[in-house]
């Protein structure tokens, strides 16, 4: 079941000029944006593969009332540089740590959806002192088989354009009726997909292919909320259940959504996140 009133709402992009950049230790320029009051508790947002930081536009007005919200474009996406070759979840995690260092943030809450959830798991395992509360939405500790991603990498690099790839993503992300209606939200995500550099997408496909956190998530000590989509065909609800079972003390919340739960259920999603993140402030 889909929140149809929310789906009719358009989400406005910020102007590109509002983005800042910093350069990582390996020479990659990363674009980011900060909203909210300097000095407020920090919250870092990490989005899905093949999207930009604007995936979170609908959540920023509410989240920024309580947090200094930092969102960024992955290497290979949006306003960030597109380095050649395969990327890794470890390198993507270090991009976050270097962004935090650049901004003088010692520790932060972290909310990651899909690929962002892989990065959140890596951070909570490898840099636990930097992560306070952790929200893992529509994600998994491992996706396979590897040859699926090898094929996807070859196809996206060989394709003349991103049209077929874009349609495949849209059908995995949203209810079929929403895709067929082709409203402003779907139109916006389609355009972002068409604009995604193919090398950047291939690099991130490799990061997902090579990540396997199934055993090490047991080391996560950060209070964790897991959000799953009951109709998610990318990172199934069973995967969300497995994460919640594997992380000590984690709590699971399901939505009758496909993959981008924050887009299908923006109000309910942000309410759930805020209730969890603010529960230690009572």
Protein backbone atom coordinates (compact mmCIF):
# COMPACT_ATOMS: atom_id res chain seq x y z
CA UNK A 1 0.00 0.00 0.00
CA UNK A 2 1.37 3.41 -0.98
CA UNK A 3 0.88 6.81 0.60
CA UNK A 4 -0.67 8.37 -2.51
CA UNK A 5 -0.93 11.89 -1.13
CA UNK A 6 2.78 11.87 -0.41
CA UNK A 7 3.52 10.57 -3.89
CA UNK A 8 1.75 13.54 -5.43
CA UNK A 9 4.02 15.95 -3.60
CA UNK A 10 6.95 17.19 -5.63
CA UNK A 11 10.35 17.59 -4.02
CA UNK A 12 12.24 20.71 -5.01
CA UNK A 13 15.93 20.57 -5.78
CA UNK A 14 18.33 23.04 -4.22
CA UNK A 15 20.44 25.00 -6.63
CA UNK A 16 23.84 23.46 -7.44
CA UNK A 17 25.51 26.60 -6.12
CA UNK A 18 24.46 25.56 -2.60
CA UNK A 19 26.91 22.64 -2.69
CA UNK A 20 30.34 22.76 -1.08
CA UNK A 21 33.26 20.48 -1.86
CA UNK A 22 36.33 19.00 -0.21
CA UNK A 23 39.10 16.76 -1.54
CA UNK A 24 39.80 13.31 -0.11
CA UNK A 25 43.23 11.92 0.64
CA UNK A 26 43.26 10.09 -2.67
CA UNK A 27 42.50 13.28 -4.60
CA UNK A 28 38.75 12.94 -5.25
CA UNK A 29 36.57 16.02 -4.94
CA UNK A 30 33.38 15.24 -2.99
CA UNK A 31 30.31 17.50 -3.08
CA UNK A 32 28.27 17.96 0.08
CA UNK A 33 25.67 20.17 1.70
CA UNK A 34 25.00 21.10 5.33
CA UNK A 35 21.61 22.19 6.68
CA UNK A 36 20.54 23.15 10.17
CA UNK A 37 22.27 24.95 13.01
CA UNK A 38 26.03 24.72 13.48
CA UNK A 39 26.58 23.21 16.91
CA UNK A 40 23.50 21.01 16.81
CA UNK A 41 24.08 17.24 16.94
CA UNK A 42 25.35 16.05 13.57
CA UNK A 43 23.37 13.67 11.36
CA UNK A 44 24.93 12.30 8.17
CA UNK A 45 22.69 11.03 5.37
CA UNK A 46 23.85 8.56 2.71
CA UNK A 47 21.56 7.76 -0.21
CA UNK A 48 20.95 4.95 -2.68
CA UNK A 49 23.22 4.06 -5.56
CA UNK A 50 22.33 6.00 -8.75
CA UNK A 51 20.86 8.92 -6.80
CA UNK A 52 22.25 12.19 -5.48
CA UNK A 53 22.03 13.92 -2.12
CA UNK A 54 18.71 15.36 -3.33
CA UNK A 55 17.11 12.00 -2.54
CA UNK A 56 16.76 13.42 0.98
CA UNK A 57 15.19 16.76 0.04
CA UNK A 58 11.82 15.79 1.51
CA UNK A 59 13.33 14.95 4.90
CA UNK A 60 15.57 18.00 5.33
CA UNK A 61 12.99 20.54 6.61
CA UNK A 62 12.06 18.34 9.56
CA UNK A 63 15.46 16.79 10.31
CA UNK A 64 17.24 20.16 10.23
CA UNK A 65 15.05 21.45 13.07
CA UNK A 66 16.95 19.17 15.43
CA UNK A 67 20.24 18.29 13.74
CA UNK A 68 23.03 19.69 11.65
CA UNK A 69 22.27 17.54 8.63
CA UNK A 70 25.17 16.64 6.33
CA UNK A 71 24.48 14.94 3.00
CA UNK A 72 26.87 14.30 0.14
CA UNK A 73 27.27 12.84 -3.33
CA UNK A 74 29.19 9.60 -3.61
CA UNK A 75 32.35 9.58 -5.68
CA UNK A 76 31.15 8.90 -9.22
CA UNK A 77 27.77 10.57 -8.69
CA UNK A 78 26.15 14.01 -8.67
CA UNK A 79 28.54 16.89 -8.11
CA UNK A 80 31.47 14.69 -7.05
CA UNK A 81 34.40 13.55 -9.17
CA UNK A 82 34.27 10.31 -11.14
CA UNK A 83 37.50 8.38 -10.55
CA UNK A 84 38.23 5.39 -12.77
CA UNK A 85 38.12 1.80 -11.62
CA UNK A 86 36.23 -0.16 -8.98
CA UNK A 87 35.28 1.49 -5.71
CA UNK A 88 34.96 -0.28 -2.34
CA UNK A 89 32.69 0.10 0.66
CA UNK A 90 35.80 0.72 2.76
CA UNK A 91 36.85 3.60 0.52
CA UNK A 92 33.30 4.99 0.61
CA UNK A 93 33.37 4.76 4.39
CA UNK A 94 36.66 6.62 4.53
CA UNK A 95 35.11 9.35 2.36
CA UNK A 96 32.59 9.88 5.17
CA UNK A 97 35.28 9.95 7.85
CA UNK A 98 37.30 12.48 5.83
CA UNK A 99 34.17 14.60 5.35
CA UNK A 100 33.60 14.53 9.10
CA UNK A 101 37.21 15.54 9.70
CA UNK A 102 36.89 18.34 7.14
CA UNK A 103 33.85 19.70 8.99
CA UNK A 104 35.30 19.19 12.46
CA UNK A 105 32.69 16.59 13.41
CA UNK A 106 34.02 14.13 15.98
CA UNK A 107 30.96 11.88 16.01
CA UNK A 108 27.54 11.82 14.39
CA UNK A 109 24.33 9.93 13.92
CA UNK A 110 24.21 8.16 10.56
CA UNK A 111 21.22 7.36 8.34
CA UNK A 112 21.94 5.29 5.24
CA UNK A 113 19.51 3.85 2.71
CA UNK A 114 20.45 1.00 0.36
CA UNK A 115 24.14 1.56 -0.51
CA UNK A 116 24.14 4.15 2.27
CA UNK A 117 23.22 1.35 4.66
CA UNK A 118 26.25 -0.69 3.56
CA UNK A 119 28.41 2.34 4.37
CA UNK A 120 26.69 2.82 7.71
CA UNK A 121 27.39 -0.78 8.68
CA UNK A 122 31.05 -0.44 7.66
CA UNK A 123 31.44 2.75 9.70
CA UNK A 124 29.83 1.30 12.82
CA UNK A 125 32.14 -1.73 12.56
CA UNK A 126 35.40 0.02 11.69
CA UNK A 127 35.01 3.46 13.30
CA UNK A 128 32.57 2.87 16.17
CA UNK A 129 33.77 5.89 18.11
CA UNK A 130 32.57 8.16 15.27
CA UNK A 131 29.00 6.80 15.02
CA UNK A 132 26.37 7.51 17.65
CA UNK A 133 22.96 6.19 16.56
CA UNK A 134 22.62 4.24 13.33
CA UNK A 135 19.63 3.96 10.98
CA UNK A 136 19.87 1.31 8.25
CA UNK A 137 17.07 1.60 5.71
CA UNK A 138 16.28 -0.76 2.83
CA UNK A 139 19.72 -2.29 2.87
CA UNK A 140 21.59 -5.56 3.32
CA UNK A 141 24.92 -6.81 4.67
CA UNK A 142 25.58 -8.61 1.37
CA UNK A 143 24.10 -8.80 -2.13
CA UNK A 144 24.99 -11.32 -4.76
CA UNK A 145 25.89 -13.28 -6.69
CA UNK A 146 29.05 -11.53 -7.85
CA UNK A 147 28.48 -12.42 -11.51
CA UNK A 148 25.20 -10.44 -11.42
CA UNK A 149 27.19 -7.29 -10.71
CA UNK A 150 29.93 -8.24 -13.18
CA UNK A 151 27.27 -8.44 -15.88
CA UNK A 152 25.69 -5.16 -14.78
CA UNK A 153 29.09 -3.44 -14.91
CA UNK A 154 29.82 -4.72 -18.42
CA UNK A 155 26.38 -3.74 -19.67
CA UNK A 156 26.33 -0.24 -18.24
CA UNK A 157 29.81 0.53 -19.59
CA UNK A 158 28.94 -0.84 -23.05
CA UNK A 159 25.52 0.80 -23.39
CA UNK A 160 25.03 3.82 -25.63
CA UNK A 161 23.16 5.65 -22.87
CA UNK A 162 21.50 5.15 -19.49
CA UNK A 163 17.90 4.76 -20.71
CA UNK A 164 17.49 1.01 -20.16
CA UNK A 165 19.43 1.13 -16.91
CA UNK A 166 17.24 3.98 -15.67
CA UNK A 167 14.01 2.11 -16.36
CA UNK A 168 15.33 -0.97 -14.56
CA UNK A 169 16.15 1.04 -11.47
CA UNK A 170 12.79 2.81 -11.45
CA UNK A 171 10.91 -0.49 -11.58
CA UNK A 172 12.99 -1.77 -8.66
CA UNK A 173 12.55 1.38 -6.61
CA UNK A 174 8.84 2.22 -6.87
CA UNK A 175 5.42 0.53 -7.12
CA UNK A 176 4.50 -0.28 -10.72
CA UNK A 177 1.50 2.06 -10.64
CA UNK A 178 3.74 4.92 -9.60
CA UNK A 179 6.22 4.25 -12.42
CA UNK A 180 3.44 3.98 -14.99
CA UNK A 181 1.84 7.23 -13.78
CA UNK A 182 5.22 8.92 -14.42
CA UNK A 183 4.53 11.74 -12.00
CA UNK A 184 6.99 14.46 -10.99
CA UNK A 185 8.85 12.30 -8.48
CA UNK A 186 9.48 9.48 -10.97
CA UNK A 187 10.38 12.03 -13.63
CA UNK A 188 12.95 13.59 -11.31
CA UNK A 189 14.56 10.27 -10.40
CA UNK A 190 14.61 9.21 -14.05
CA UNK A 191 16.49 12.38 -14.95
CA UNK A 192 18.99 11.81 -12.13
CA UNK A 193 19.55 8.27 -13.43
CA UNK A 194 20.06 9.48 -16.99
CA UNK A 195 22.61 11.99 -15.68
CA UNK A 196 24.54 9.41 -13.65
CA UNK A 197 28.06 8.86 -15.07
CA UNK A 198 28.36 5.27 -16.24
CA UNK A 199 31.85 4.89 -14.81
CA UNK A 200 30.57 6.13 -11.46
CA UNK A 201 27.72 3.64 -11.46
CA UNK A 202 30.08 0.80 -12.46
CA UNK A 203 32.44 1.77 -9.65
CA UNK A 204 29.65 1.62 -7.08
CA UNK A 205 28.31 -1.66 -8.48
CA UNK A 206 31.76 -3.08 -7.73
CA UNK A 207 31.60 -1.76 -4.16
CA UNK A 208 28.31 -3.57 -3.55
CA UNK A 209 29.55 -6.72 -5.30
CA UNK A 210 32.58 -7.00 -3.04
CA UNK A 211 30.96 -6.10 0.29
CA UNK A 212 30.15 -8.86 2.77
CA UNK A 213 29.33 -7.68 6.29
CA UNK A 214 27.19 -10.64 7.32
CA UNK A 215 29.51 -11.82 10.08
CA UNK A 216 30.97 -8.52 11.23
CA UNK A 217 27.67 -6.70 11.88
CA UNK A 218 27.62 -8.59 15.17
CA UNK A 219 30.39 -6.18 16.25
CA UNK A 220 28.13 -3.11 15.90
CA UNK A 221 27.49 -1.50 19.27
CA UNK A 222 25.72 1.67 18.13
CA UNK A 223 22.00 1.76 18.95
CA UNK A 224 20.47 0.73 15.62
CA UNK A 225 17.12 1.11 13.89
CA UNK A 226 16.55 -1.06 10.82
CA UNK A 227 13.85 0.05 8.35
CA UNK A 228 12.63 -2.42 5.74
CA UNK A 229 10.27 -2.32 2.78
CA UNK A 230 7.77 -5.16 2.82
CA UNK A 231 7.64 -5.17 -1.00
CA UNK A 232 11.33 -4.47 -1.59
CA UNK A 233 12.74 -6.66 -4.37
CA UNK A 234 16.28 -5.21 -4.13
CA UNK A 235 17.05 -5.57 -0.43
CA UNK A 236 14.22 -7.80 0.71
CA UNK A 237 12.44 -7.49 4.03
CA UNK A 238 14.08 -10.77 5.00
CA UNK A 239 17.45 -9.03 4.66
CA UNK A 240 16.25 -6.28 7.01
CA UNK A 241 15.16 -8.95 9.47
CA UNK A 242 18.59 -10.57 9.21
CA UNK A 243 20.36 -7.28 9.95
CA UNK A 244 18.12 -6.60 12.95
CA UNK A 245 18.79 -10.11 14.24
CA UNK A 246 22.54 -9.79 13.68
CA UNK A 247 23.13 -6.45 15.42
CA UNK A 248 22.82 -6.63 19.21
CA UNK A 249 19.76 -4.74 20.43
CA UNK A 250 18.68 -3.52 16.96
CA UNK A 251 15.02 -2.65 16.38
CA UNK A 252 13.14 -3.39 13.14
CA UNK A 253 10.42 -1.23 11.57
CA UNK A 254 8.63 -2.29 8.40
CA UNK A 255 6.76 -0.15 5.89
CA UNK A 256 4.48 -1.38 3.07
CA UNK A 257 6.93 0.11 0.59
CA UNK A 258 9.24 -0.97 -2.21
CA UNK A 259 12.85 0.27 -2.05
CA UNK A 260 12.87 4.03 -1.46
CA UNK A 261 10.80 4.07 1.71
CA UNK A 262 11.66 7.71 2.43
CA UNK A 263 10.03 8.69 -0.87
CA UNK A 264 6.91 6.51 -0.64
CA UNK A 265 6.27 7.33 3.01
CA UNK A 266 8.14 10.59 3.68
CA UNK A 267 6.13 11.73 6.71
CA UNK A 268 6.03 8.37 8.44
CA UNK A 269 9.69 7.69 7.62
CA UNK A 270 10.97 10.91 9.15
CA UNK A 271 8.73 10.51 12.20
CA UNK A 272 10.19 7.05 12.84
CA UNK A 273 13.76 8.30 12.37
CA UNK A 274 13.27 11.30 14.65
CA UNK A 275 11.64 9.25 17.38
CA UNK A 276 14.66 6.95 17.35
CA UNK A 277 17.36 9.61 17.11
CA UNK A 278 15.81 11.83 19.80
CA UNK A 279 15.12 9.00 22.23
CA UNK A 280 18.48 9.56 23.90
CA UNK A 281 17.70 13.24 24.48
CA UNK A 282 14.79 12.72 26.86
